[in-house]
């Protein structure tokens, strides 16, 4: 797994935090909101996460630890379980099918 440069992670995390503060100061400003969302998306792509909160947590964890510890933590971290499908379990038939 390739890891991003620490300097780039630091830069993008600072950028995200700056836009976050600006969004909290002016929540109705669409330009500020767009900048905040763009910075969150960039951090998601950089850290390989699906949402900005996960990306921020991953970036902070990456900057706190060594790359080897971060990779070990990422591979050992439990994944969220899949959402169960609705309907009858596989292999079972409904009464109408008998």
C-alpha atoms as a PDB file:
ATOM      1  CA  UNK A   1       0.000   0.000   0.000  1.00  0.00           C
ATOM      2  CA  UNK A   2       1.333   3.409  -0.931  1.00  0.00           C
ATOM      3  CA  UNK A   3       1.242   6.113   1.686  1.00  0.00           C
ATOM      4  CA  UNK A   4       1.049   9.843   0.978  1.00  0.00           C
ATOM      5  CA  UNK A   5       3.891  12.174   1.878  1.00  0.00           C
ATOM      6  CA  UNK A   6       3.610  13.382   5.454  1.00  0.00           C
ATOM      7  CA  UNK A   7       4.106  16.995   4.361  1.00  0.00           C
ATOM      8  CA  UNK A   8       1.163  16.717   1.960  1.00  0.00           C
ATOM      9  CA  UNK A   9      -1.065  15.152   4.625  1.00  0.00           C
ATOM     10  CA  UNK A  10      -0.129  17.959   7.013  1.00  0.00           C
ATOM     11  CA  UNK A  11      -0.860  20.592   4.370  1.00  0.00           C
ATOM     12  CA  UNK A  12      -4.237  19.119   3.426  1.00  0.00           C
ATOM     13  CA  UNK A  13      -5.255  18.633   7.058  1.00  0.00           C
ATOM     14  CA  UNK A  14      -4.435  22.289   7.809  1.00  0.00           C
ATOM     15  CA  UNK A  15      -6.384  23.350   4.730  1.00  0.00           C
ATOM     16  CA  UNK A  16      -9.383  21.239   5.838  1.00  0.00           C
ATOM     17  CA  UNK A  17      -9.282  22.728   9.364  1.00  0.00           C
ATOM     18  CA  UNK A  18      -9.091  26.287   7.980  1.00  0.00           C
ATOM     19  CA  UNK A  19     -12.142  25.696   5.760  1.00  0.00           C
ATOM     20  CA  UNK A  20     -13.916  24.054   8.691  1.00  0.00           C
ATOM     21  CA  UNK A  21     -13.400  27.168  10.821  1.00  0.00           C
ATOM     22  CA  UNK A  22     -14.553  29.397   7.951  1.00  0.00           C
ATOM     23  CA  UNK A  23     -17.678  27.270   7.496  1.00  0.00           C
ATOM     24  CA  UNK A  24     -18.507  27.518  11.174  1.00  0.00           C
ATOM     25  CA  UNK A  25     -18.066  31.302  10.998  1.00  0.00           C
ATOM     26  CA  UNK A  26     -20.204  31.707   7.849  1.00  0.00           C
ATOM     27  CA  UNK A  27     -22.452  28.642   7.434  1.00  0.00           C
ATOM     28  CA  UNK A  28     -24.643  30.224   4.744  1.00  0.00           C
ATOM     29  CA  UNK A  29     -21.801  31.282   2.440  1.00  0.00           C
ATOM     30  CA  UNK A  30     -21.902  28.896  -0.527  1.00  0.00           C
ATOM     31  CA  UNK A  31     -18.317  29.654  -1.631  1.00  0.00           C
ATOM     32  CA  UNK A  32     -16.999  28.789   1.827  1.00  0.00           C
ATOM     33  CA  UNK A  33     -19.134  25.647   1.893  1.00  0.00           C
ATOM     34  CA  UNK A  34     -17.765  24.577  -1.500  1.00  0.00           C
ATOM     35  CA  UNK A  35     -14.177  25.103  -0.328  1.00  0.00           C
ATOM     36  CA  UNK A  36     -14.872  23.048   2.791  1.00  0.00           C
ATOM     37  CA  UNK A  37     -16.396  20.192   0.796  1.00  0.00           C
ATOM     38  CA  UNK A  38     -13.539  20.271  -1.728  1.00  0.00           C
ATOM     39  CA  UNK A  39     -10.930  20.104   1.006  1.00  0.00           C
ATOM     40  CA  UNK A  40     -12.787  17.189   2.618  1.00  0.00           C
ATOM     41  CA  UNK A  41     -12.916  15.351  -0.701  1.00  0.00           C
ATOM     42  CA  UNK A  42      -9.184  15.894  -1.263  1.00  0.00           C
ATOM     43  CA  UNK A  43      -8.433  14.497   2.184  1.00  0.00           C
ATOM     44  CA  UNK A  44     -10.672  11.479   1.481  1.00  0.00           C
ATOM     45  CA  UNK A  45      -8.802  10.708  -1.733  1.00  0.00           C
ATOM     46  CA  UNK A  46      -5.428  11.246  -0.088  1.00  0.00           C
ATOM     47  CA  UNK A  47      -6.189   8.939   2.843  1.00  0.00           C
ATOM     48  CA  UNK A  48      -8.331   6.409   0.961  1.00  0.00           C
ATOM     49  CA  UNK A  49     -11.454   6.917   3.065  1.00  0.00           C
ATOM     50  CA  UNK A  50     -15.103   7.341   2.148  1.00  0.00           C
ATOM     51  CA  UNK A  51     -16.072  10.252   4.373  1.00  0.00           C
ATOM     52  CA  UNK A  52     -14.281  13.364   5.569  1.00  0.00           C
ATOM     53  CA  UNK A  53     -14.480  12.485   9.272  1.00  0.00           C
ATOM     54  CA  UNK A  54     -12.805   9.121   8.661  1.00  0.00           C
ATOM     55  CA  UNK A  55     -10.180  10.838   6.486  1.00  0.00           C
ATOM     56  CA  UNK A  56      -9.425  13.417   9.192  1.00  0.00           C
ATOM     57  CA  UNK A  57      -9.076  10.702  11.831  1.00  0.00           C
ATOM     58  CA  UNK A  58      -6.836   8.655   9.538  1.00  0.00           C
ATOM     59  CA  UNK A  59      -4.680  11.701   8.720  1.00  0.00           C
ATOM     60  CA  UNK A  60      -4.245  12.572  12.395  1.00  0.00           C
ATOM     61  CA  UNK A  61      -3.407   8.949  13.232  1.00  0.00           C
ATOM     62  CA  UNK A  62      -0.927   8.819  10.319  1.00  0.00           C
ATOM     63  CA  UNK A  63       0.840  11.980  11.502  1.00  0.00           C
ATOM     64  CA  UNK A  64       1.000  10.731  15.120  1.00  0.00           C
ATOM     65  CA  UNK A  65       2.598   7.384  14.296  1.00  0.00           C
ATOM     66  CA  UNK A  66       5.234   5.887  12.049  1.00  0.00           C
ATOM     67  CA  UNK A  67       4.173   4.610   8.619  1.00  0.00           C
ATOM     68  CA  UNK A  68       4.692   0.986   9.720  1.00  0.00           C
ATOM     69  CA  UNK A  69       2.472   1.396  12.779  1.00  0.00           C
ATOM     70  CA  UNK A  70      -0.171   3.195  10.700  1.00  0.00           C
ATOM     71  CA  UNK A  71      -0.238   0.392   8.112  1.00  0.00           C
ATOM     72  CA  UNK A  72      -0.457  -2.260  10.813  1.00  0.00           C
ATOM     73  CA  UNK A  73      -3.282  -0.343  12.483  1.00  0.00           C
ATOM     74  CA  UNK A  74      -5.166   0.030   9.187  1.00  0.00           C
ATOM     75  CA  UNK A  75      -4.882  -3.666   8.305  1.00  0.00           C
ATOM     76  CA  UNK A  76      -5.906  -4.843  11.780  1.00  0.00           C
ATOM     77  CA  UNK A  77      -8.753  -2.376  12.188  1.00  0.00           C
ATOM     78  CA  UNK A  78     -12.135  -4.144  12.088  1.00  0.00           C
ATOM     79  CA  UNK A  79     -14.234  -3.328   9.051  1.00  0.00           C
ATOM     80  CA  UNK A  80     -17.889  -2.435   9.480  1.00  0.00           C
ATOM     81  CA  UNK A  81     -20.086  -5.435   8.887  1.00  0.00           C
ATOM     82  CA  UNK A  82     -22.223  -5.587   5.807  1.00  0.00           C
ATOM     83  CA  UNK A  83     -25.844  -4.610   6.053  1.00  0.00           C
ATOM     84  CA  UNK A  84     -27.945  -7.771   5.985  1.00  0.00           C
ATOM     85  CA  UNK A  85     -30.147  -8.272   2.975  1.00  0.00           C
ATOM     86  CA  UNK A  86     -33.862  -8.315   3.344  1.00  0.00           C
ATOM     87  CA  UNK A  87     -35.881 -11.338   2.425  1.00  0.00           C
ATOM     88  CA  UNK A  88     -35.537 -14.996   3.207  1.00  0.00           C
ATOM     89  CA  UNK A  89     -32.100 -16.441   3.881  1.00  0.00           C
ATOM     90  CA  UNK A  90     -30.367 -18.148   0.949  1.00  0.00           C
ATOM     91  CA  UNK A  91     -31.415 -21.745   0.430  1.00  0.00           C
ATOM     92  CA  UNK A  92     -34.871 -21.318   1.938  1.00  0.00           C
ATOM     93  CA  UNK A  93     -38.012 -21.310  -0.090  1.00  0.00           C
ATOM     94  CA  UNK A  94     -41.231 -19.584   0.678  1.00  0.00           C
ATOM     95  CA  UNK A  95     -44.376 -21.619   1.267  1.00  0.00           C
ATOM     96  CA  UNK A  96     -45.625 -20.547  -2.147  1.00  0.00           C
ATOM     97  CA  UNK A  97     -42.614 -22.272  -3.739  1.00  0.00           C
ATOM     98  CA  UNK A  98     -43.458 -25.707  -2.233  1.00  0.00           C
END
